[in-house]
Amino acid sequence: MSSRSTRTCAFCGKPQNQVKRLVEGPDVNICDECIRVCDGMLRREDEGGRERRVEALKVPRPDEIKAMLDAHVIGHERTKRVLSVAVYNHYKRLKQRMYFPQGDPLASVEIEKSNVLLVGP
């Protein structure tokens, strides 16, 4: 007796007539509300993993970045200095949220973002 009106969400048990949408799988159904809950859980989990990866980054100082560039690029001293600072600031921007407690006004200060375009041989 598997009529369309008796189908229920396998997660919360609500019948099809009590939810906006019931997504049907081969042997199981899930309602739109449970999908939203699962999506929120996955997004929070992804954000937490990203923050741990950012926290673990060792941010090289601009002079260390320039030394790496010196090993591969001949000349262009000013460009290497500017690029080193831009890369360092990018890392600082990624890690900025970790330095201040939540709600601290300094946590919302945005470090100016710049773009880099390298042209030429």
PDB file of N, CA and C in Angstrom:
ATOM      1  N   MET A   1       0.840  -1.197   0.000  1.00  0.00           N
ATOM      2  CA  MET A   1       0.000   0.000   0.000  1.00  0.00           C
ATOM      3  C   MET A   1       0.870   1.240   0.000  1.00  0.00           C
ATOM      4  N   SER A   2       1.518   1.519  -1.127  1.00  0.00           N
ATOM      5  CA  SER A   2       2.475   2.616  -1.214  1.00  0.00           C
ATOM      6  C   SER A   2       1.888   3.758  -2.027  1.00  0.00           C
ATOM      7  N   SER A   3       0.821   4.334  -1.560  1.00  0.00           N
ATOM      8  CA  SER A   3       0.230   5.467  -2.288  1.00  0.00           C
ATOM      9  C   SER A   3       1.046   6.718  -2.033  1.00  0.00           C
ATOM     10  N   ARG A   4       0.941   7.664  -2.915  1.00  0.00           N
ATOM     11  CA  ARG A   4       1.739   8.882  -2.858  1.00  0.00           C
ATOM     12  C   ARG A   4       1.486   9.663  -1.565  1.00  0.00           C
ATOM     13  N   SER A   5       0.275   9.613  -1.018  1.00  0.00           N
ATOM     14  CA  SER A   5      -0.063  10.394   0.170  1.00  0.00           C
ATOM     15  C   SER A   5       0.530   9.799   1.455  1.00  0.00           C
ATOM     16  N   THR A   6       0.960   8.533   1.428  1.00  0.00           N
ATOM     17  CA  THR A   6       1.506   7.923   2.635  1.00  0.00           C
ATOM     18  C   THR A   6       3.027   7.985   2.701  1.00  0.00           C
ATOM     19  N   ARG A   7       3.656   8.575   1.742  1.00  0.00           N
ATOM     20  CA  ARG A   7       5.123   8.680   1.761  1.00  0.00           C
ATOM     21  C   ARG A   7       5.541   9.673   2.835  1.00  0.00           C
ATOM     22  N   THR A   8       6.631   9.332   3.543  1.00  0.00           N
ATOM     23  CA  THR A   8       7.111  10.177   4.641  1.00  0.00           C
ATOM     24  C   THR A   8       8.613  10.410   4.516  1.00  0.00           C
ATOM     25  N   CYS A   9       9.085  11.424   5.215  1.00  0.00           N
ATOM     26  CA  CYS A   9      10.515  11.721   5.270  1.00  0.00           C
ATOM     27  C   CYS A   9      11.181  10.690   6.173  1.00  0.00           C
ATOM     28  N   ALA A  10      12.247  10.089   5.700  1.00  0.00           N
ATOM     29  CA  ALA A  10      12.956   9.072   6.473  1.00  0.00           C
ATOM     30  C   ALA A  10      13.702   9.681   7.662  1.00  0.00           C
ATOM     31  N   PHE A  11      13.925  11.002   7.660  1.00  0.00           N
ATOM     32  CA  PHE A  11      14.674  11.647   8.736  1.00  0.00           C
ATOM     33  C   PHE A  11      13.760  12.123   9.867  1.00  0.00           C
ATOM     34  N   CYS A  12      12.718  12.888   9.507  1.00  0.00           N
ATOM     35  CA  CYS A  12      11.848  13.462  10.549  1.00  0.00           C
ATOM     36  C   CYS A  12      10.501  12.751  10.669  1.00  0.00           C
ATOM     37  N   GLY A  13      10.141  11.934   9.693  1.00  0.00           N
ATOM     38  CA  GLY A  13       8.898  11.179   9.754  1.00  0.00           C
ATOM     39  C   GLY A  13       7.666  11.929   9.292  1.00  0.00           C
ATOM     40  N   LYS A  14       7.800  13.180   8.857  1.00  0.00           N
ATOM     41  CA  LYS A  14       6.624  13.945   8.417  1.00  0.00           C
ATOM     42  C   LYS A  14       6.096  13.375   7.107  1.00  0.00           C
ATOM     43  N   PRO A  15       4.770  13.318   6.988  1.00  0.00           N
ATOM     44  CA  PRO A  15       4.198  12.854   5.723  1.00  0.00           C
ATOM     45  C   PRO A  15       4.307  13.928   4.646  1.00  0.00           C
ATOM     46  N   GLN A  16       4.158  13.488   3.425  1.00  0.00           N
ATOM     47  CA  GLN A  16       4.314  14.365   2.262  1.00  0.00           C
ATOM     48  C   GLN A  16       3.395  15.580   2.322  1.00  0.00           C
ATOM     49  N   ASN A  17       2.198  15.450   2.876  1.00  0.00           N
ATOM     50  CA  ASN A  17       1.258  16.579   2.896  1.00  0.00           C
ATOM     51  C   ASN A  17       1.586  17.616   3.967  1.00  0.00           C
ATOM     52  N   GLN A  18       2.607  17.385   4.801  1.00  0.00           N
ATOM     53  CA  GLN A  18       3.000  18.358   5.824  1.00  0.00           C
ATOM     54  C   GLN A  18       4.293  19.100   5.480  1.00  0.00           C
ATOM     55  N   VAL A  19       4.862  18.836   4.323  1.00  0.00           N
ATOM     56  CA  VAL A  19       6.106  19.505   3.907  1.00  0.00           C
ATOM     57  C   VAL A  19       5.905  20.129   2.533  1.00  0.00           C
ATOM     58  N   LYS A  20       6.775  21.091   2.202  1.00  0.00           N
ATOM     59  CA  LYS A  20       6.663  21.726   0.879  1.00  0.00           C
ATOM     60  C   LYS A  20       7.030  20.749  -0.229  1.00  0.00           C
ATOM     61  N   ARG A  21       8.101  19.981   0.021  1.00  0.00           N
ATOM     62  CA  ARG A  21       8.588  19.074  -1.024  1.00  0.00           C
ATOM     63  C   ARG A  21       9.177  17.844  -0.383  1.00  0.00           C
ATOM     64  N   LEU A  22       8.935  16.724  -0.981  1.00  0.00           N
ATOM     65  CA  LEU A  22       9.506  15.463  -0.526  1.00  0.00           C
ATOM     66  C   LEU A  22      10.323  14.907  -1.690  1.00  0.00           C
ATOM     67  N   VAL A  23      11.637  14.857  -1.510  1.00  0.00           N
ATOM     68  CA  VAL A  23      12.519  14.339  -2.557  1.00  0.00           C
ATOM     69  C   VAL A  23      12.551  12.823  -2.412  1.00  0.00           C
ATOM     70  N   GLU A  24      12.215  12.146  -3.494  1.00  0.00           N
ATOM     71  CA  GLU A  24      12.110  10.694  -3.456  1.00  0.00           C
ATOM     72  C   GLU A  24      13.367  10.052  -4.010  1.00  0.00           C
ATOM     73  N   GLY A  25      13.883   9.087  -3.246  1.00  0.00           N
ATOM     74  CA  GLY A  25      15.011   8.284  -3.691  1.00  0.00           C
ATOM     75  C   GLY A  25      14.532   6.881  -3.995  1.00  0.00           C
ATOM     76  N   PRO A  26      15.442   5.988  -4.360  1.00  0.00           N
ATOM     77  CA  PRO A  26      15.034   4.627  -4.709  1.00  0.00           C
ATOM     78  C   PRO A  26      14.314   3.916  -3.549  1.00  0.00           C
ATOM     79  N   ASP A  27      14.820   4.046  -2.329  1.00  0.00           N
ATOM     80  CA  ASP A  27      14.208   3.353  -1.192  1.00  0.00           C
ATOM     81  C   ASP A  27      13.926   4.274  -0.016  1.00  0.00           C
ATOM     82  N   VAL A  28      14.144   5.573  -0.188  1.00  0.00           N
ATOM     83  CA  VAL A  28      14.021   6.496   0.936  1.00  0.00           C
ATOM     84  C   VAL A  28      13.603   7.871   0.422  1.00  0.00           C
ATOM     85  N   ASN A  29      12.954   8.663   1.288  1.00  0.00           N
ATOM     86  CA  ASN A  29      12.520  10.018   0.949  1.00  0.00           C
ATOM     87  C   ASN A  29      13.078  10.979   1.990  1.00  0.00           C
ATOM     88  N   ILE A  30      13.281  12.230   1.576  1.00  0.00           N
ATOM     89  CA  ILE A  30      13.733  13.268   2.509  1.00  0.00           C
ATOM     90  C   ILE A  30      13.003  14.563   2.176  1.00  0.00           C
ATOM     91  N   CYS A  31      12.554  15.266   3.214  1.00  0.00           N
ATOM     92  CA  CYS A  31      11.790  16.505   2.990  1.00  0.00           C
ATOM     93  C   CYS A  31      12.723  17.705   2.851  1.00  0.00           C
ATOM     94  N   ASP A  32      12.170  18.799   2.336  1.00  0.00           N
ATOM     95  CA  ASP A  32      12.953  20.020   2.111  1.00  0.00           C
ATOM     96  C   ASP A  32      13.506  20.582   3.420  1.00  0.00           C
ATOM     97  N   GLU A  33      12.783  20.435   4.528  1.00  0.00           N
ATOM     98  CA  GLU A  33      13.252  20.953   5.816  1.00  0.00           C
ATOM     99  C   GLU A  33      14.499  20.204   6.286  1.00  0.00           C
ATOM    100  N   CYS A  34      14.504  18.900   6.150  1.00  0.00           N
ATOM    101  CA  CYS A  34      15.659  18.100   6.564  1.00  0.00           C
ATOM    102  C   CYS A  34      16.851  18.351   5.641  1.00  0.00           C
ATOM    103  N   ILE A  35      16.572  18.599   4.363  1.00  0.00           N
ATOM    104  CA  ILE A  35      17.648  18.937   3.427  1.00  0.00           C
ATOM    105  C   ILE A  35      18.326  20.230   3.874  1.00  0.00           C
ATOM    106  N   ARG A  36      17.523  21.241   4.287  1.00  0.00           N
ATOM    107  CA  ARG A  36      18.087  22.509   4.753  1.00  0.00           C
ATOM    108  C   ARG A  36      18.960  22.313   5.998  1.00  0.00           C
ATOM    109  N   VAL A  37      18.478  21.482   6.928  1.00  0.00           N
ATOM    110  CA  VAL A  37      19.246  21.212   8.148  1.00  0.00           C
ATOM    111  C   VAL A  37      20.582  20.557   7.795  1.00  0.00           C
ATOM    112  N   CYS A  38      20.546  19.564   6.918  1.00  0.00           N
ATOM    113  CA  CYS A  38      21.769  18.865   6.518  1.00  0.00           C
ATOM    114  C   CYS A  38      22.727  19.812   5.789  1.00  0.00           C
ATOM    115  N   ASP A  39      22.177  20.650   4.920  1.00  0.00           N
ATOM    116  CA  ASP A  39      23.003  21.613   4.193  1.00  0.00           C
ATOM    117  C   ASP A  39      23.705  22.557   5.164  1.00  0.00           C
ATOM    118  N   GLY A  40      22.981  23.053   6.166  1.00  0.00           N
ATOM    119  CA  GLY A  40      23.584  23.937   7.162  1.00  0.00           C
ATOM    120  C   GLY A  40      24.705  23.250   7.930  1.00  0.00           C
ATOM    121  N   MET A  41      24.495  21.979   8.288  1.00  0.00           N
ATOM    122  CA  MET A  41      25.523  21.223   9.002  1.00  0.00           C
ATOM    123  C   MET A  41      26.779  21.076   8.151  1.00  0.00           C
ATOM    124  N   LEU A  42      26.600  20.745   6.877  1.00  0.00           N
ATOM    125  CA  LEU A  42      27.748  20.576   5.984  1.00  0.00           C
ATOM    126  C   LEU A  42      28.496  21.886   5.777  1.00  0.00           C
ATOM    127  N   ARG A  43      27.758  22.994   5.637  1.00  0.00           N
ATOM    128  CA  ARG A  43      28.414  24.299   5.447  1.00  0.00           C
ATOM    129  C   ARG A  43      29.222  24.696   6.676  1.00  0.00           C
ATOM    130  N   ARG A  44      28.669  24.511   7.875  1.00  0.00           N
ATOM    131  CA  ARG A  44      29.405  24.835   9.099  1.00  0.00           C
ATOM    132  C   ARG A  44      30.652  23.971   9.225  1.00  0.00           C
ATOM    133  N   GLU A  45      30.525  22.706   8.871  1.00  0.00           N
ATOM    134  CA  GLU A  45      31.655  21.786   8.928  1.00  0.00           C
ATOM    135  C   GLU A  45      32.756  22.230   7.964  1.00  0.00           C
ATOM    136  N   ASP A  46      32.363  22.637   6.747  1.00  0.00           N
ATOM    137  CA  ASP A  46      33.336  23.103   5.757  1.00  0.00           C
ATOM    138  C   ASP A  46      34.036  24.366   6.232  1.00  0.00           C
ATOM    139  N   GLU A  47      33.289  25.309   6.826  1.00  0.00           N
ATOM    140  CA  GLU A  47      33.887  26.555   7.311  1.00  0.00           C
ATOM    141  C   GLU A  47      34.888  26.283   8.428  1.00  0.00           C
ATOM    142  N   GLY A  48      34.550  25.375   9.331  1.00  0.00           N
ATOM    143  CA  GLY A  48      35.456  25.025  10.424  1.00  0.00           C
ATOM    144  C   GLY A  48      36.754  24.421   9.904  1.00  0.00           C
ATOM    145  N   GLY A  49      36.649  23.562   8.897  1.00  0.00           N
ATOM    146  CA  GLY A  49      37.839  22.961   8.300  1.00  0.00           C
ATOM    147  C   GLY A  49      38.704  23.993   7.621  1.00  0.00           C
ATOM    148  N   ARG A  50      38.086  24.951   6.948  1.00  0.00           N
ATOM    149  CA  ARG A  50      38.835  26.009   6.265  1.00  0.00           C
ATOM    150  C   ARG A  50      39.578  26.856   7.291  1.00  0.00           C
ATOM    151  N   GLU A  51      38.901  27.201   8.400  1.00  0.00           N
ATOM    152  CA  GLU A  51      39.557  28.027   9.414  1.00  0.00           C
ATOM    153  C   GLU A  51      40.732  27.303  10.047  1.00  0.00           C
ATOM    154  N   ARG A  52      40.617  25.996  10.253  1.00  0.00           N
ATOM    155  CA  ARG A  52      41.747  25.245  10.809  1.00  0.00           C
ATOM    156  C   ARG A  52      42.919  25.237   9.842  1.00  0.00           C
ATOM    157  N   ARG A  53      42.627  25.109   8.529  1.00  0.00           N
ATOM    158  CA  ARG A  53      43.706  25.122   7.535  1.00  0.00           C
ATOM    159  C   ARG A  53      44.373  26.484   7.494  1.00  0.00           C
ATOM    160  N   VAL A  54      43.582  27.559   7.563  1.00  0.00           N
ATOM    161  CA  VAL A  54      44.145  28.909   7.544  1.00  0.00           C
ATOM    162  C   VAL A  54      44.985  29.138   8.798  1.00  0.00           C
ATOM    163  N   GLU A  55      44.487  28.683   9.937  1.00  0.00           N
ATOM    164  CA  GLU A  55      45.205  28.851  11.201  1.00  0.00           C
ATOM    165  C   GLU A  55      46.558  28.149  11.156  1.00  0.00           C
ATOM    166  N   ALA A  56      46.619  27.018  10.476  1.00  0.00           N
ATOM    167  CA  ALA A  56      47.851  26.238  10.420  1.00  0.00           C
ATOM    168  C   ALA A  56      48.875  26.818   9.437  1.00  0.00           C
ATOM    169  N   LEU A  57      48.456  27.766   8.598  1.00  0.00           N
ATOM    170  CA  LEU A  57      49.386  28.348   7.632  1.00  0.00           C
ATOM    171  C   LEU A  57      50.514  29.083   8.340  1.00  0.00           C
ATOM    172  N   LYS A  58      51.725  28.814   7.917  1.00  0.00           N
ATOM    173  CA  LYS A  58      52.855  29.601   8.398  1.00  0.00           C
ATOM    174  C   LYS A  58      53.024  30.716   7.377  1.00  0.00           C
ATOM    175  N   VAL A  59      52.803  31.930   7.814  1.00  0.00           N
ATOM    176  CA  VAL A  59      52.860  33.059   6.898  1.00  0.00           C
ATOM    177  C   VAL A  59      54.307  33.535   6.780  1.00  0.00           C
ATOM    178  N   PRO A  60      54.892  33.377   5.592  1.00  0.00           N
ATOM    179  CA  PRO A  60      56.265  33.866   5.423  1.00  0.00           C
ATOM    180  C   PRO A  60      56.284  35.390   5.413  1.00  0.00           C
ATOM    181  N   ARG A  61      57.347  35.963   5.958  1.00  0.00           N
ATOM    182  CA  ARG A  61      57.500  37.426   5.958  1.00  0.00           C
ATOM    183  C   ARG A  61      57.820  37.885   4.532  1.00  0.00           C
ATOM    184  N   PRO A  62      57.572  39.174   4.234  1.00  0.00           N
ATOM    185  CA  PRO A  62      57.844  39.660   2.878  1.00  0.00           C
ATOM    186  C   PRO A  62      59.284  39.405   2.422  1.00  0.00           C
ATOM    187  N   ASP A  63      60.263  39.536   3.343  1.00  0.00           N
ATOM    188  CA  ASP A  63      61.652  39.301   2.927  1.00  0.00           C
ATOM    189  C   ASP A  63      61.898  37.824   2.600  1.00  0.00           C
ATOM    190  N   GLU A  64      61.171  36.913   3.261  1.00  0.00           N
ATOM    191  CA  GLU A  64      61.291  35.489   2.936  1.00  0.00           C
ATOM    192  C   GLU A  64      60.662  35.189   1.571  1.00  0.00           C
ATOM    193  N   ILE A  65      59.550  35.831   1.300  1.00  0.00           N
ATOM    194  CA  ILE A  65      58.891  35.645   0.000  1.00  0.00           C
ATOM    195  C   ILE A  65      59.788  36.171  -1.112  1.00  0.00           C
ATOM    196  N   LYS A  66      60.397  37.346  -0.869  1.00  0.00           N
ATOM    197  CA  LYS A  66      61.291  37.919  -1.882  1.00  0.00           C
ATOM    198  C   LYS A  66      62.491  37.009  -2.113  1.00  0.00           C
ATOM    199  N   ALA A  67      63.017  36.396  -1.063  1.00  0.00           N
ATOM    200  CA  ALA A  67      64.150  35.478  -1.217  1.00  0.00           C
ATOM    201  C   ALA A  67      63.767  34.290  -2.106  1.00  0.00           C
ATOM    202  N   MET A  68      62.528  33.806  -1.948  1.00  0.00           N
ATOM    203  CA  MET A  68      62.054  32.716  -2.816  1.00  0.00           C
ATOM    204  C   MET A  68      61.976  33.188  -4.269  1.00  0.00           C
ATOM    205  N   LEU A  69      61.489  34.410  -4.453  1.00  0.00           N
ATOM    206  CA  LEU A  69      61.399  34.952  -5.814  1.00  0.00           C
ATOM    207  C   LEU A  69      62.789  35.174  -6.402  1.00  0.00           C
ATOM    208  N   ASP A  70      63.746  35.616  -5.573  1.00  0.00           N
ATOM    209  CA  ASP A  70      65.120  35.840  -6.040  1.00  0.00           C
ATOM    210  C   ASP A  70      65.724  34.565  -6.623  1.00  0.00           C
ATOM    211  N   ALA A  71      65.323  33.423  -6.092  1.00  0.00           N
ATOM    212  CA  ALA A  71      65.865  32.152  -6.567  1.00  0.00           C
ATOM    213  C   ALA A  71      65.355  31.803  -7.969  1.00  0.00           C
ATOM    214  N   HIS A  72      64.246  32.444  -8.398  1.00  0.00           N
ATOM    215  CA  HIS A  72      63.649  32.078  -9.678  1.00  0.00           C
ATOM    216  C   HIS A  72      63.547  33.226 -10.674  1.00  0.00           C
ATOM    217  N   VAL A  73      63.651  34.467 -10.202  1.00  0.00           N
ATOM    218  CA  VAL A  73      63.463  35.631 -11.075  1.00  0.00           C
ATOM    219  C   VAL A  73      64.725  36.495 -11.023  1.00  0.00           C
ATOM    220  N   ILE A  74      65.270  36.797 -12.183  1.00  0.00           N
ATOM    221  CA  ILE A  74      66.465  37.638 -12.253  1.00  0.00           C
ATOM    222  C   ILE A  74      66.023  39.072 -12.507  1.00  0.00           C
ATOM    223  N   GLY A  75      66.586  39.999 -11.720  1.00  0.00           N
ATOM    224  CA  GLY A  75      66.230  41.407 -11.866  1.00  0.00           C
ATOM    225  C   GLY A  75      64.857  41.689 -11.275  1.00  0.00           C
ATOM    226  N   HIS A  76      64.233  42.744 -11.767  1.00  0.00           N
ATOM    227  CA  HIS A  76      62.877  43.126 -11.347  1.00  0.00           C
ATOM    228  C   HIS A  76      62.772  43.293  -9.830  1.00  0.00           C
ATOM    229  N   GLU A  77      63.753  43.947  -9.211  1.00  0.00           N
ATOM    230  CA  GLU A  77      63.809  44.061  -7.751  1.00  0.00           C
ATOM    231  C   GLU A  77      62.572  44.738  -7.168  1.00  0.00           C
ATOM    232  N   ARG A  78      62.172  45.864  -7.763  1.00  0.00           N
ATOM    233  CA  ARG A  78      61.005  46.577  -7.233  1.00  0.00           C
ATOM    234  C   ARG A  78      59.741  45.712  -7.336  1.00  0.00           C
ATOM    235  N   THR A  79      59.573  45.042  -8.454  1.00  0.00           N
ATOM    236  CA  THR A  79      58.404  44.189  -8.662  1.00  0.00           C
ATOM    237  C   THR A  79      58.370  43.060  -7.636  1.00  0.00           C
ATOM    238  N   LYS A  80      59.517  42.444  -7.368  1.00  0.00           N
ATOM    239  CA  LYS A  80      59.579  41.357  -6.393  1.00  0.00           C
ATOM    240  C   LYS A  80      59.230  41.865  -4.991  1.00  0.00           C
ATOM    241  N   ARG A  81      59.684  43.080  -4.653  1.00  0.00           N
ATOM    242  CA  ARG A  81      59.345  43.650  -3.334  1.00  0.00           C
ATOM    243  C   ARG A  81      57.845  43.901  -3.220  1.00  0.00           C
ATOM    244  N   VAL A  82      57.264  44.519  -4.245  1.00  0.00           N
ATOM    245  CA  VAL A  82      55.825  44.829  -4.235  1.00  0.00           C
ATOM    246  C   VAL A  82      55.010  43.542  -4.181  1.00  0.00           C
ATOM    247  N   LEU A  83      55.387  42.552  -4.974  1.00  0.00           N
ATOM    248  CA  LEU A  83      54.672  41.283  -4.990  1.00  0.00           C
ATOM    249  C   LEU A  83      54.794  40.565  -3.646  1.00  0.00           C
ATOM    250  N   SER A  84      55.953  40.624  -3.021  1.00  0.00           N
ATOM    251  CA  SER A  84      56.158  39.989  -1.712  1.00  0.00           C
ATOM    252  C   SER A  84      55.222  40.577  -0.665  1.00  0.00           C
ATOM    253  N   VAL A  85      55.090  41.893  -0.655  1.00  0.00           N
ATOM    254  CA  VAL A  85      54.204  42.556   0.307  1.00  0.00           C
ATOM    255  C   VAL A  85      52.749  42.216   0.003  1.00  0.00           C
ATOM    256  N   ALA A  86      52.388  42.166  -1.281  1.00  0.00           N
ATOM    257  CA  ALA A  86      51.004  41.843  -1.661  1.00  0.00           C
ATOM    258  C   ALA A  86      50.642  40.427  -1.221  1.00  0.00           C
ATOM    259  N   VAL A  87      51.543  39.475  -1.398  1.00  0.00           N
ATOM    260  CA  VAL A  87      51.283  38.088  -0.993  1.00  0.00           C
ATOM    261  C   VAL A  87      51.184  38.006   0.528  1.00  0.00           C
ATOM    262  N   TYR A  88      52.069  38.691   1.237  1.00  0.00           N
ATOM    263  CA  TYR A  88      52.041  38.705   2.701  1.00  0.00           C
ATOM    264  C   TYR A  88      50.713  39.277   3.202  1.00  0.00           C
ATOM    265  N   ASN A  89      50.269  40.384   2.616  1.00  0.00           N
ATOM    266  CA  ASN A  89      48.989  40.991   3.015  1.00  0.00           C
ATOM    267  C   ASN A  89      47.812  40.061   2.731  1.00  0.00           C
ATOM    268  N   HIS A  90      47.907  39.306   1.661  1.00  0.00           N
ATOM    269  CA  HIS A  90      46.850  38.337   1.350  1.00  0.00           C
ATOM    270  C   HIS A  90      46.756  37.305   2.479  1.00  0.00           C
ATOM    271  N   TYR A  91      47.881  36.779   2.913  1.00  0.00           N
ATOM    272  CA  TYR A  91      47.886  35.817   4.019  1.00  0.00           C
ATOM    273  C   TYR A  91      47.344  36.464   5.303  1.00  0.00           C
ATOM    274  N   LYS A  92      47.733  37.701   5.574  1.00  0.00           N
ATOM    275  CA  LYS A  92      47.239  38.400   6.768  1.00  0.00           C
ATOM    276  C   LYS A  92      45.727  38.535   6.712  1.00  0.00           C
ATOM    277  N   ARG A  93      45.194  38.827   5.542  1.00  0.00           N
ATOM    278  CA  ARG A  93      43.752  38.984   5.372  1.00  0.00           C
ATOM    279  C   ARG A  93      43.041  37.664   5.683  1.00  0.00           C
ATOM    280  N   LEU A  94      43.621  36.547   5.257  1.00  0.00           N
ATOM    281  CA  LEU A  94      43.022  35.245   5.528  1.00  0.00           C
ATOM    282  C   LEU A  94      43.018  34.923   7.019  1.00  0.00           C
ATOM    283  N   LYS A  95      44.086  35.296   7.713  1.00  0.00           N
ATOM    284  CA  LYS A  95      44.234  34.939   9.122  1.00  0.00           C
ATOM    285  C   LYS A  95      43.663  35.977  10.078  1.00  0.00           C
ATOM    286  N   GLN A  96      43.261  37.125   9.584  1.00  0.00           N
ATOM    287  CA  GLN A  96      42.853  38.246  10.432  1.00  0.00           C
ATOM    288  C   GLN A  96      41.778  37.875  11.435  1.00  0.00           C
ATOM    289  N   ARG A  97      40.801  37.074  11.039  1.00  0.00           N
ATOM    290  CA  ARG A  97      39.669  36.744  11.896  1.00  0.00           C
ATOM    291  C   ARG A  97      40.110  36.032  13.179  1.00  0.00           C
ATOM    292  N   MET A  98      41.245  35.336  13.129  1.00  0.00           N
ATOM    293  CA  MET A  98      41.694  34.557  14.285  1.00  0.00           C
ATOM    294  C   MET A  98      42.273  35.426  15.400  1.00  0.00           C
ATOM    295  N   TYR A  99      42.724  36.611  15.083  1.00  0.00           N
ATOM    296  CA  TYR A  99      43.446  37.422  16.063  1.00  0.00           C
ATOM    297  C   TYR A  99      42.541  38.166  17.034  1.00  0.00           C
ATOM    298  N   PHE A 100      41.263  38.301  16.707  1.00  0.00           N
ATOM    299  CA  PHE A 100      40.351  39.080  17.544  1.00  0.00           C
ATOM    300  C   PHE A 100      39.177  38.218  17.974  1.00  0.00           C
ATOM    301  N   PRO A 101      38.697  38.408  19.208  1.00  0.00           N
ATOM    302  CA  PRO A 101      37.520  37.654  19.628  1.00  0.00           C
ATOM    303  C   PRO A 101      36.298  38.083  18.833  1.00  0.00           C
ATOM    304  N   GLN A 102      35.344  37.171  18.725  1.00  0.00           N
ATOM    305  CA  GLN A 102      34.126  37.474  17.979  1.00  0.00           C
ATOM    306  C   GLN A 102      33.424  38.667  18.604  1.00  0.00           C
ATOM    307  N   GLY A 103      32.980  39.604  17.783  1.00  0.00           N
ATOM    308  CA  GLY A 103      32.307  40.798  18.267  1.00  0.00           C
ATOM    309  C   GLY A 103      33.243  41.983  18.438  1.00  0.00           C
ATOM    310  N   ASP A 104      34.547  41.759  18.445  1.00  0.00           N
ATOM    311  CA  ASP A 104      35.518  42.850  18.573  1.00  0.00           C
ATOM    312  C   ASP A 104      35.448  43.709  17.308  1.00  0.00           C
ATOM    313  N   PRO A 105      35.351  45.039  17.456  1.00  0.00           N
ATOM    314  CA  PRO A 105      35.245  45.893  16.263  1.00  0.00           C
ATOM    315  C   PRO A 105      36.449  45.770  15.333  1.00  0.00           C
ATOM    316  N   LEU A 106      37.625  45.429  15.870  1.00  0.00           N
ATOM    317  CA  LEU A 106      38.806  45.295  15.021  1.00  0.00           C
ATOM    318  C   LEU A 106      38.726  44.066  14.116  1.00  0.00           C
ATOM    319  N   ALA A 107      37.901  43.093  14.501  1.00  0.00           N
ATOM    320  CA  ALA A 107      37.762  41.886  13.681  1.00  0.00           C
ATOM    321  C   ALA A 107      37.103  42.196  12.339  1.00  0.00           C
ATOM    322  N   SER A 108      36.321  43.252  12.290  1.00  0.00           N
ATOM    323  CA  SER A 108      35.621  43.580  11.050  1.00  0.00           C
ATOM    324  C   SER A 108      36.389  44.578  10.180  1.00  0.00           C
ATOM    325  N   VAL A 109      37.561  45.044  10.645  1.00  0.00           N
ATOM    326  CA  VAL A 109      38.366  45.956   9.833  1.00  0.00           C
ATOM    327  C   VAL A 109      38.860  45.187   8.620  1.00  0.00           C
ATOM    328  N   GLU A 110      38.611  45.738   7.462  1.00  0.00           N
ATOM    329  CA  GLU A 110      38.999  45.042   6.246  1.00  0.00           C
ATOM    330  C   GLU A 110      40.340  45.566   5.744  1.00  0.00           C
ATOM    331  N   ILE A 111      41.263  44.655   5.517  1.00  0.00           N
ATOM    332  CA  ILE A 111      42.555  45.020   4.943  1.00  0.00           C
ATOM    333  C   ILE A 111      42.328  45.220   3.454  1.00  0.00           C
ATOM    334  N   GLU A 112      42.810  46.331   2.943  1.00  0.00           N
ATOM    335  CA  GLU A 112      42.567  46.649   1.543  1.00  0.00           C
ATOM    336  C   GLU A 112      43.120  45.566   0.631  1.00  0.00           C
ATOM    337  N   LYS A 113      42.283  45.142  -0.278  1.00  0.00           N
ATOM    338  CA  LYS A 113      42.684  44.105  -1.226  1.00  0.00           C
ATOM    339  C   LYS A 113      43.206  44.748  -2.493  1.00  0.00           C
ATOM    340  N   SER A 114      44.244  44.160  -3.039  1.00  0.00           N
ATOM    341  CA  SER A 114      44.777  44.663  -4.299  1.00  0.00           C
ATOM    342  C   SER A 114      44.949  43.498  -5.247  1.00  0.00           C
ATOM    343  N   ASN A 115      44.952  43.799  -6.515  1.00  0.00           N
ATOM    344  CA  ASN A 115      45.149  42.773  -7.539  1.00  0.00           C
ATOM    345  C   ASN A 115      46.556  42.895  -8.090  1.00  0.00           C
ATOM    346  N   VAL A 116      47.042  41.808  -8.634  1.00  0.00           N
ATOM    347  CA  VAL A 116      48.388  41.786  -9.201  1.00  0.00           C
ATOM    348  C   VAL A 116      48.273  41.323 -10.644  1.00  0.00           C
ATOM    349  N   LEU A 117      48.894  42.064 -11.550  1.00  0.00           N
ATOM    350  CA  LEU A 117      48.937  41.687 -12.951  1.00  0.00           C
ATOM    351  C   LEU A 117      50.377  41.776 -13.411  1.00  0.00           C
ATOM    352  N   LEU A 118      50.931  40.649 -13.813  1.00  0.00           N
ATOM    353  CA  LEU A 118      52.307  40.617 -14.306  1.00  0.00           C
ATOM    354  C   LEU A 118      52.261  40.441 -15.808  1.00  0.00           C
ATOM    355  N   VAL A 119      52.937  41.325 -16.540  1.00  0.00           N
ATOM    356  CA  VAL A 119      52.949  41.283 -17.982  1.00  0.00           C
ATOM    357  C   VAL A 119      54.395  41.374 -18.450  1.00  0.00           C
ATOM    358  N   GLY A 120      54.724  40.582 -19.440  1.00  0.00           N
ATOM    359  CA  GLY A 120      56.061  40.681 -20.009  1.00  0.00           C
ATOM    360  C   GLY A 120      56.797  39.372 -19.949  1.00  0.00           C
ATOM    361  N   PRO A 121      58.008  39.373 -20.503  1.00  0.00           N
ATOM    362  CA  PRO A 121      58.795  38.132 -20.544  1.00  0.00           C
ATOM    363  C   PRO A 121      59.334  37.760 -19.176  1.00  0.00           C
TER     364      PRO A 121
END
